[in-house]
Amino acid sequence: MTTSAPQDLAYGSDLSTFVDGVADLDPTFAIITGPRVVAEALARRFMQEAGTLEDDPRYGYDLRQETGARLTAVRRVRIAAKIVAQCQEDPRVLSATVAELTSDTPGRFRVSVKVTLASGPFDLVLSVSAVTVEILKVARG
């Protein structure tokens, strides 16, 4: 059994719910700790329609619903504000800013969020299509 350093458990531990970046329960039941716990929790928020959790009506902003229309400057600002608001709903997050929101192909966009926790910042990069929210990168930064 591997023991984690206390700082790794500062954000809790959980089973990984992303396999190769795609939402799925890890078949090895890998336990994640540290900022990765927060990153996966945030990514799950972006796959949940707002108001569908009975005990937390503010939880969720389904980014997949934003893939149908062109990303105008106004839409980018509105989407970025909602992303930041969802990140800040997580009590472990001290601050969040959207560093990049670009459409790389039709029907898909990429979001880069700088998230700050008590242990420091990390970058969360997501790829969003009408079907998936994929974690491309989680890196201390």
N, C-alpha and C. Protein backbone atom coordinates (compact mmCIF):
# COMPACT_ATOMS: atom_id res chain seq x y z
N MET A 1 0.84 -1.18 0.00
CA MET A 1 0.00 0.00 0.00
C MET A 1 0.89 1.24 0.00
N THR A 2 0.57 2.16 -0.87
CA THR A 2 1.33 3.40 -0.97
C THR A 2 0.72 4.45 -0.06
N THR A 3 1.54 5.13 0.70
CA THR A 3 1.04 6.21 1.52
C THR A 3 1.36 7.53 0.84
N SER A 4 0.40 8.42 0.88
CA SER A 4 0.58 9.73 0.26
C SER A 4 1.10 10.71 1.28
N ALA A 5 1.85 11.68 0.79
CA ALA A 5 2.32 12.76 1.66
C ALA A 5 1.11 13.58 2.09
N PRO A 6 1.16 14.18 3.30
CA PRO A 6 0.01 14.96 3.79
C PRO A 6 -0.46 16.03 2.80
N GLN A 7 0.48 16.70 2.09
CA GLN A 7 0.07 17.74 1.16
C GLN A 7 -0.72 17.16 -0.01
N ASP A 8 -0.47 15.89 -0.37
CA ASP A 8 -1.23 15.25 -1.44
C ASP A 8 -2.68 15.05 -1.05
N LEU A 9 -2.94 14.88 0.23
CA LEU A 9 -4.30 14.62 0.70
C LEU A 9 -5.03 15.89 1.11
N ALA A 10 -4.41 17.04 0.94
CA ALA A 10 -5.04 18.30 1.34
C ALA A 10 -6.36 18.55 0.61
N TYR A 11 -6.52 17.98 -0.57
CA TYR A 11 -7.73 18.19 -1.36
C TYR A 11 -8.60 16.95 -1.39
N GLY A 12 -8.28 15.98 -0.55
CA GLY A 12 -9.04 14.74 -0.49
C GLY A 12 -8.46 13.69 -1.42
N SER A 13 -9.17 12.61 -1.54
CA SER A 13 -8.79 11.55 -2.48
C SER A 13 -10.09 11.04 -3.11
N ASP A 14 -9.95 10.45 -4.27
CA ASP A 14 -11.13 9.99 -4.99
C ASP A 14 -10.69 8.93 -6.00
N LEU A 15 -11.65 8.19 -6.50
CA LEU A 15 -11.38 7.30 -7.63
C LEU A 15 -11.32 8.16 -8.87
N SER A 16 -10.39 7.88 -9.75
CA SER A 16 -10.30 8.64 -10.99
C SER A 16 -11.52 8.35 -11.85
N THR A 17 -12.10 9.39 -12.40
CA THR A 17 -13.26 9.24 -13.27
C THR A 17 -12.95 9.68 -14.70
N PHE A 18 -11.67 9.69 -15.03
CA PHE A 18 -11.23 10.00 -16.39
C PHE A 18 -10.15 9.00 -16.78
N VAL A 19 -10.31 8.40 -17.96
CA VAL A 19 -9.34 7.46 -18.50
C VAL A 19 -8.82 8.07 -19.80
N ASP A 20 -7.52 8.30 -19.85
CA ASP A 20 -6.91 8.95 -21.01
C ASP A 20 -7.63 10.25 -21.37
N GLY A 21 -8.04 10.98 -20.34
CA GLY A 21 -8.68 12.28 -20.53
C GLY A 21 -10.17 12.24 -20.74
N VAL A 22 -10.74 11.07 -21.03
CA VAL A 22 -12.16 10.95 -21.32
C VAL A 22 -12.90 10.46 -20.07
N ALA A 23 -14.08 11.02 -19.84
CA ALA A 23 -14.87 10.66 -18.66
C ALA A 23 -15.24 9.18 -18.68
N ASP A 24 -14.74 8.46 -17.70
CA ASP A 24 -15.01 7.04 -17.54
C ASP A 24 -14.37 6.62 -16.23
N LEU A 25 -15.00 5.72 -15.52
CA LEU A 25 -14.41 5.22 -14.28
C LEU A 25 -13.17 4.41 -14.62
N ASP A 26 -12.07 4.76 -13.99
CA ASP A 26 -10.82 4.05 -14.24
C ASP A 26 -11.00 2.58 -13.85
N PRO A 27 -10.81 1.65 -14.80
CA PRO A 27 -11.03 0.23 -14.50
C PRO A 27 -10.06 -0.33 -13.47
N THR A 28 -8.95 0.36 -13.23
CA THR A 28 -8.01 -0.09 -12.20
C THR A 28 -8.37 0.48 -10.83
N PHE A 29 -9.42 1.29 -10.79
CA PHE A 29 -9.85 1.96 -9.56
C PHE A 29 -8.72 2.76 -8.93
N ALA A 30 -7.97 3.47 -9.78
CA ALA A 30 -6.85 4.28 -9.32
C ALA A 30 -7.35 5.39 -8.39
N ILE A 31 -6.66 5.56 -7.29
CA ILE A 31 -6.97 6.64 -6.35
C ILE A 31 -6.14 7.85 -6.74
N ILE A 32 -6.79 8.99 -6.85
CA ILE A 32 -6.09 10.23 -7.16
C ILE A 32 -6.09 11.13 -5.93
N THR A 33 -5.06 11.98 -5.83
CA THR A 33 -4.92 12.92 -4.73
C THR A 33 -4.39 14.24 -5.31
N GLY A 34 -4.20 15.20 -4.43
CA GLY A 34 -3.60 16.47 -4.84
C GLY A 34 -4.50 17.25 -5.79
N PRO A 35 -3.91 18.16 -6.57
CA PRO A 35 -4.69 18.98 -7.49
C PRO A 35 -5.49 18.18 -8.51
N ARG A 36 -5.06 16.96 -8.82
CA ARG A 36 -5.80 16.14 -9.79
C ARG A 36 -7.23 15.89 -9.32
N VAL A 37 -7.43 15.75 -8.00
CA VAL A 37 -8.78 15.56 -7.45
C VAL A 37 -9.65 16.75 -7.81
N VAL A 38 -9.11 17.93 -7.63
CA VAL A 38 -9.86 19.16 -7.92
C VAL A 38 -10.08 19.29 -9.43
N ALA A 39 -9.07 18.99 -10.22
CA ALA A 39 -9.19 19.09 -11.68
C ALA A 39 -10.30 18.20 -12.21
N GLU A 40 -10.36 16.95 -11.74
CA GLU A 40 -11.41 16.05 -12.20
C GLU A 40 -12.78 16.49 -11.69
N ALA A 41 -12.84 17.01 -10.48
CA ALA A 41 -14.11 17.51 -9.95
C ALA A 41 -14.61 18.69 -10.79
N LEU A 42 -13.70 19.58 -11.18
CA LEU A 42 -14.08 20.71 -12.02
C LEU A 42 -14.55 20.24 -13.39
N ALA A 43 -13.82 19.30 -13.99
CA ALA A 43 -14.22 18.78 -15.30
C ALA A 43 -15.61 18.16 -15.24
N ARG A 44 -15.92 17.46 -14.16
CA ARG A 44 -17.27 16.87 -14.02
C ARG A 44 -18.33 17.95 -13.94
N ARG A 45 -18.00 19.09 -13.31
CA ARG A 45 -18.96 20.21 -13.26
C ARG A 45 -19.35 20.67 -14.65
N PHE A 46 -18.40 20.56 -15.59
CA PHE A 46 -18.64 21.06 -16.94
C PHE A 46 -19.33 20.05 -17.84
N MET A 47 -19.78 18.94 -17.24
CA MET A 47 -20.57 17.95 -17.97
C MET A 47 -21.95 17.79 -17.35
N GLN A 48 -22.27 18.63 -16.39
CA GLN A 48 -23.52 18.51 -15.65
C GLN A 48 -24.38 19.74 -15.92
N GLU A 49 -25.61 19.51 -16.32
CA GLU A 49 -26.51 20.62 -16.56
C GLU A 49 -26.85 21.30 -15.23
N ALA A 50 -26.85 22.62 -15.24
CA ALA A 50 -27.13 23.39 -14.02
C ALA A 50 -28.50 23.03 -13.46
N GLY A 51 -28.55 22.93 -12.14
CA GLY A 51 -29.82 22.71 -11.46
C GLY A 51 -30.27 21.26 -11.40
N THR A 52 -29.47 20.32 -11.86
CA THR A 52 -29.92 18.93 -11.87
C THR A 52 -29.53 18.15 -10.60
N LEU A 53 -28.70 18.74 -9.76
CA LEU A 53 -28.39 18.09 -8.48
C LEU A 53 -29.34 18.64 -7.43
N GLU A 54 -30.07 17.75 -6.81
CA GLU A 54 -31.11 18.15 -5.86
C GLU A 54 -30.57 18.96 -4.68
N ASP A 55 -29.41 18.57 -4.16
CA ASP A 55 -28.88 19.24 -2.97
C ASP A 55 -27.98 20.43 -3.29
N ASP A 56 -27.72 20.71 -4.57
CA ASP A 56 -26.89 21.87 -4.94
C ASP A 56 -27.35 22.41 -6.30
N PRO A 57 -28.35 23.26 -6.31
CA PRO A 57 -28.91 23.74 -7.57
C PRO A 57 -27.94 24.60 -8.40
N ARG A 58 -26.87 25.10 -7.79
CA ARG A 58 -25.89 25.91 -8.54
C ARG A 58 -24.80 25.08 -9.19
N TYR A 59 -24.77 23.77 -8.88
CA TYR A 59 -23.73 22.89 -9.41
C TYR A 59 -23.98 22.63 -10.88
N GLY A 60 -22.95 22.84 -11.69
CA GLY A 60 -22.98 22.41 -13.07
C GLY A 60 -23.15 23.52 -14.10
N TYR A 61 -22.44 23.31 -15.19
CA TYR A 61 -22.55 24.14 -16.39
C TYR A 61 -22.10 23.25 -17.54
N ASP A 62 -23.05 22.73 -18.28
CA ASP A 62 -22.74 21.77 -19.34
C ASP A 62 -22.14 22.49 -20.55
N LEU A 63 -20.83 22.47 -20.63
CA LEU A 63 -20.13 23.14 -21.73
C LEU A 63 -20.47 22.53 -23.09
N ARG A 64 -20.89 21.29 -23.11
CA ARG A 64 -21.21 20.63 -24.37
C ARG A 64 -22.35 21.34 -25.09
N GLN A 65 -23.21 22.02 -24.34
CA GLN A 65 -24.33 22.75 -24.94
C GLN A 65 -23.87 24.02 -25.65
N GLU A 66 -22.63 24.41 -25.46
CA GLU A 66 -22.10 25.63 -26.07
C GLU A 66 -21.40 25.38 -27.40
N THR A 67 -21.40 24.15 -27.88
CA THR A 67 -20.63 23.82 -29.08
C THR A 67 -21.35 24.10 -30.39
N GLY A 68 -22.64 24.36 -30.35
CA GLY A 68 -23.40 24.49 -31.59
C GLY A 68 -23.22 25.78 -32.36
N ALA A 69 -22.96 26.87 -31.68
CA ALA A 69 -22.88 28.17 -32.33
C ALA A 69 -21.44 28.67 -32.40
N ARG A 70 -21.23 29.64 -33.27
CA ARG A 70 -19.90 30.23 -33.43
C ARG A 70 -19.48 30.95 -32.14
N LEU A 71 -18.19 30.89 -31.83
CA LEU A 71 -17.66 31.55 -30.63
C LEU A 71 -17.34 33.00 -30.94
N THR A 72 -18.33 33.86 -30.78
CA THR A 72 -18.10 35.29 -30.96
C THR A 72 -17.40 35.82 -29.72
N ALA A 73 -16.92 37.04 -29.80
CA ALA A 73 -16.24 37.66 -28.65
C ALA A 73 -17.18 37.73 -27.44
N VAL A 74 -18.43 38.06 -27.67
CA VAL A 74 -19.40 38.17 -26.57
C VAL A 74 -19.65 36.80 -25.95
N ARG A 75 -19.82 35.77 -26.78
CA ARG A 75 -20.04 34.42 -26.26
C ARG A 75 -18.82 33.94 -25.47
N ARG A 76 -17.62 34.26 -25.93
CA ARG A 76 -16.41 33.85 -25.21
C ARG A 76 -16.39 34.45 -23.80
N VAL A 77 -16.73 35.73 -23.70
CA VAL A 77 -16.75 36.40 -22.40
C VAL A 77 -17.80 35.76 -21.50
N ARG A 78 -18.99 35.49 -22.04
CA ARG A 78 -20.07 34.90 -21.26
C ARG A 78 -19.70 33.49 -20.79
N ILE A 79 -19.15 32.69 -21.69
CA ILE A 79 -18.76 31.32 -21.34
C ILE A 79 -17.63 31.34 -20.31
N ALA A 80 -16.65 32.21 -20.51
CA ALA A 80 -15.53 32.31 -19.56
C ALA A 80 -16.02 32.69 -18.17
N ALA A 81 -16.97 33.62 -18.10
CA ALA A 81 -17.51 34.03 -16.80
C ALA A 81 -18.21 32.87 -16.10
N LYS A 82 -18.95 32.06 -16.85
CA LYS A 82 -19.64 30.91 -16.26
C LYS A 82 -18.65 29.84 -15.82
N ILE A 83 -17.58 29.67 -16.58
CA ILE A 83 -16.54 28.70 -16.19
C ILE A 83 -15.89 29.12 -14.88
N VAL A 84 -15.52 30.38 -14.78
CA VAL A 84 -14.91 30.90 -13.55
C VAL A 84 -15.87 30.75 -12.38
N ALA A 85 -17.13 31.07 -12.58
CA ALA A 85 -18.12 30.96 -11.51
C ALA A 85 -18.23 29.51 -11.02
N GLN A 86 -18.24 28.56 -11.94
CA GLN A 86 -18.31 27.15 -11.53
C GLN A 86 -17.07 26.73 -10.76
N CYS A 87 -15.91 27.15 -11.23
CA CYS A 87 -14.67 26.81 -10.53
C CYS A 87 -14.69 27.35 -9.10
N GLN A 88 -15.16 28.58 -8.95
CA GLN A 88 -15.16 29.21 -7.64
C GLN A 88 -16.24 28.66 -6.72
N GLU A 89 -17.18 27.89 -7.24
CA GLU A 89 -18.16 27.20 -6.39
C GLU A 89 -17.49 26.09 -5.58
N ASP A 90 -16.37 25.57 -6.08
CA ASP A 90 -15.64 24.53 -5.35
C ASP A 90 -14.86 25.21 -4.24
N PRO A 91 -15.11 24.86 -2.98
CA PRO A 91 -14.45 25.56 -1.86
C PRO A 91 -12.93 25.40 -1.82
N ARG A 92 -12.38 24.46 -2.54
CA ARG A 92 -10.93 24.27 -2.57
C ARG A 92 -10.24 25.25 -3.51
N VAL A 93 -11.01 25.89 -4.37
CA VAL A 93 -10.47 26.81 -5.37
C VAL A 93 -10.43 28.22 -4.80
N LEU A 94 -9.23 28.82 -4.77
CA LEU A 94 -9.09 30.20 -4.31
C LEU A 94 -9.43 31.19 -5.42
N SER A 95 -9.00 30.88 -6.65
CA SER A 95 -9.33 31.74 -7.78
C SER A 95 -9.20 30.93 -9.06
N ALA A 96 -9.82 31.46 -10.11
CA ALA A 96 -9.75 30.82 -11.42
C ALA A 96 -9.88 31.89 -12.48
N THR A 97 -9.15 31.73 -13.57
CA THR A 97 -9.27 32.61 -14.72
C THR A 97 -9.18 31.76 -15.98
N VAL A 98 -9.94 32.15 -16.98
CA VAL A 98 -9.87 31.47 -18.27
C VAL A 98 -8.76 32.14 -19.06
N ALA A 99 -7.71 31.38 -19.33
CA ALA A 99 -6.56 31.91 -20.06
C ALA A 99 -6.78 31.83 -21.56
N GLU A 100 -7.56 30.85 -22.00
CA GLU A 100 -7.77 30.66 -23.44
C GLU A 100 -9.11 29.97 -23.66
N LEU A 101 -9.82 30.43 -24.68
CA LEU A 101 -11.06 29.81 -25.10
C LEU A 101 -11.10 29.94 -26.62
N THR A 102 -10.74 28.86 -27.31
CA THR A 102 -10.61 28.91 -28.77
C THR A 102 -11.35 27.75 -29.41
N SER A 103 -11.79 27.99 -30.63
CA SER A 103 -12.42 26.94 -31.41
C SER A 103 -11.37 26.37 -32.34
N ASP A 104 -10.96 25.12 -32.08
CA ASP A 104 -9.92 24.53 -32.90
C ASP A 104 -10.46 23.83 -34.14
N THR A 105 -11.69 23.32 -34.07
CA THR A 105 -12.36 22.73 -35.22
C THR A 105 -13.86 23.01 -35.08
N PRO A 106 -14.62 22.95 -36.17
CA PRO A 106 -16.06 23.18 -36.05
C PRO A 106 -16.70 22.20 -35.06
N GLY A 107 -17.54 22.72 -34.18
CA GLY A 107 -18.21 21.89 -33.19
C GLY A 107 -17.37 21.47 -32.01
N ARG A 108 -16.18 22.03 -31.87
CA ARG A 108 -15.28 21.69 -30.77
C ARG A 108 -14.54 22.95 -30.35
N PHE A 109 -14.34 23.12 -29.05
CA PHE A 109 -13.49 24.22 -28.60
C PHE A 109 -12.60 23.76 -27.47
N ARG A 110 -11.60 24.57 -27.21
CA ARG A 110 -10.58 24.27 -26.21
C ARG A 110 -10.62 25.36 -25.15
N VAL A 111 -10.55 24.94 -23.90
CA VAL A 111 -10.58 25.87 -22.76
C VAL A 111 -9.34 25.63 -21.91
N SER A 112 -8.63 26.69 -21.58
CA SER A 112 -7.50 26.61 -20.68
C SER A 112 -7.83 27.48 -19.47
N VAL A 113 -7.85 26.86 -18.30
CA VAL A 113 -8.21 27.56 -17.06
C VAL A 113 -7.02 27.51 -16.11
N LYS A 114 -6.65 28.65 -15.58
CA LYS A 114 -5.62 28.74 -14.54
C LYS A 114 -6.38 28.72 -13.20
N VAL A 115 -6.16 27.67 -12.43
CA VAL A 115 -6.85 27.47 -11.15
C VAL A 115 -5.83 27.61 -10.04
N THR A 116 -6.16 28.38 -9.02
CA THR A 116 -5.26 28.55 -7.88
C THR A 116 -5.88 27.89 -6.65
N LEU A 117 -5.10 27.00 -6.05
CA LEU A 117 -5.45 26.33 -4.81
C LEU A 117 -4.51 26.85 -3.72
N ALA A 118 -4.71 26.43 -2.49
CA ALA A 118 -3.82 26.84 -1.41
C ALA A 118 -2.38 26.41 -1.67
N SER A 119 -2.19 25.30 -2.39
CA SER A 119 -0.84 24.81 -2.68
C SER A 119 -0.23 25.46 -3.91
N GLY A 120 -0.98 26.32 -4.57
CA GLY A 120 -0.46 27.00 -5.75
C GLY A 120 -1.33 26.78 -6.97
N PRO A 121 -0.91 27.35 -8.10
CA PRO A 121 -1.73 27.26 -9.31
C PRO A 121 -1.49 25.98 -10.12
N PHE A 122 -2.48 25.64 -10.91
CA PHE A 122 -2.31 24.61 -11.93
C PHE A 122 -3.15 25.00 -13.13
N ASP A 123 -2.76 24.47 -14.29
CA ASP A 123 -3.48 24.70 -15.52
C ASP A 123 -4.34 23.49 -15.82
N LEU A 124 -5.59 23.75 -16.17
CA LEU A 124 -6.52 22.71 -16.58
C LEU A 124 -6.92 23.02 -18.02
N VAL A 125 -6.60 22.12 -18.93
CA VAL A 125 -6.94 22.32 -20.34
C VAL A 125 -7.95 21.26 -20.74
N LEU A 126 -9.08 21.73 -21.29
CA LEU A 126 -10.17 20.84 -21.69
C LEU A 126 -10.45 21.00 -23.17
N SER A 127 -10.88 19.92 -23.78
CA SER A 127 -11.40 19.94 -25.14
C SER A 127 -12.88 19.59 -25.03
N VAL A 128 -13.73 20.40 -25.65
CA VAL A 128 -15.17 20.24 -25.50
C VAL A 128 -15.81 20.03 -26.87
N SER A 129 -16.61 18.97 -26.98
CA SER A 129 -17.41 18.74 -28.17
C SER A 129 -18.85 18.55 -27.71
N ALA A 130 -19.75 18.31 -28.64
CA ALA A 130 -21.16 18.11 -28.28
C ALA A 130 -21.34 16.85 -27.44
N VAL A 131 -20.36 15.94 -27.48
CA VAL A 131 -20.47 14.66 -26.79
C VAL A 131 -19.61 14.58 -25.54
N THR A 132 -18.41 15.15 -25.58
CA THR A 132 -17.46 14.95 -24.49
C THR A 132 -16.85 16.24 -23.97
N VAL A 133 -16.43 16.17 -22.72
CA VAL A 133 -15.52 17.13 -22.11
C VAL A 133 -14.30 16.30 -21.77
N GLU A 134 -13.21 16.57 -22.45
CA GLU A 134 -11.99 15.77 -22.31
C GLU A 134 -10.90 16.58 -21.61
N ILE A 135 -10.23 15.97 -20.63
CA ILE A 135 -9.09 16.62 -19.99
C ILE A 135 -7.87 16.38 -20.86
N LEU A 136 -7.31 17.47 -21.39
CA LEU A 136 -6.11 17.36 -22.20
C LEU A 136 -4.85 17.49 -21.36
N LYS A 137 -4.94 18.31 -20.29
CA LYS A 137 -3.75 18.58 -19.49
C LYS A 137 -4.13 19.08 -18.11
N VAL A 138 -3.41 18.59 -17.12
CA VAL A 138 -3.44 19.12 -15.76
C VAL A 138 -1.99 19.26 -15.37
N ALA A 139 -1.54 20.50 -15.19
CA ALA A 139 -0.13 20.70 -14.89
C ALA A 139 0.05 21.86 -13.93
N ARG A 140 0.92 21.66 -12.98
CA ARG A 140 1.25 22.78 -12.07
C ARG A 140 1.85 23.88 -12.89
N GLY A 141 1.45 25.09 -12.57
CA GLY A 141 1.95 26.20 -13.38
C GLY A 141 2.00 27.41 -12.61
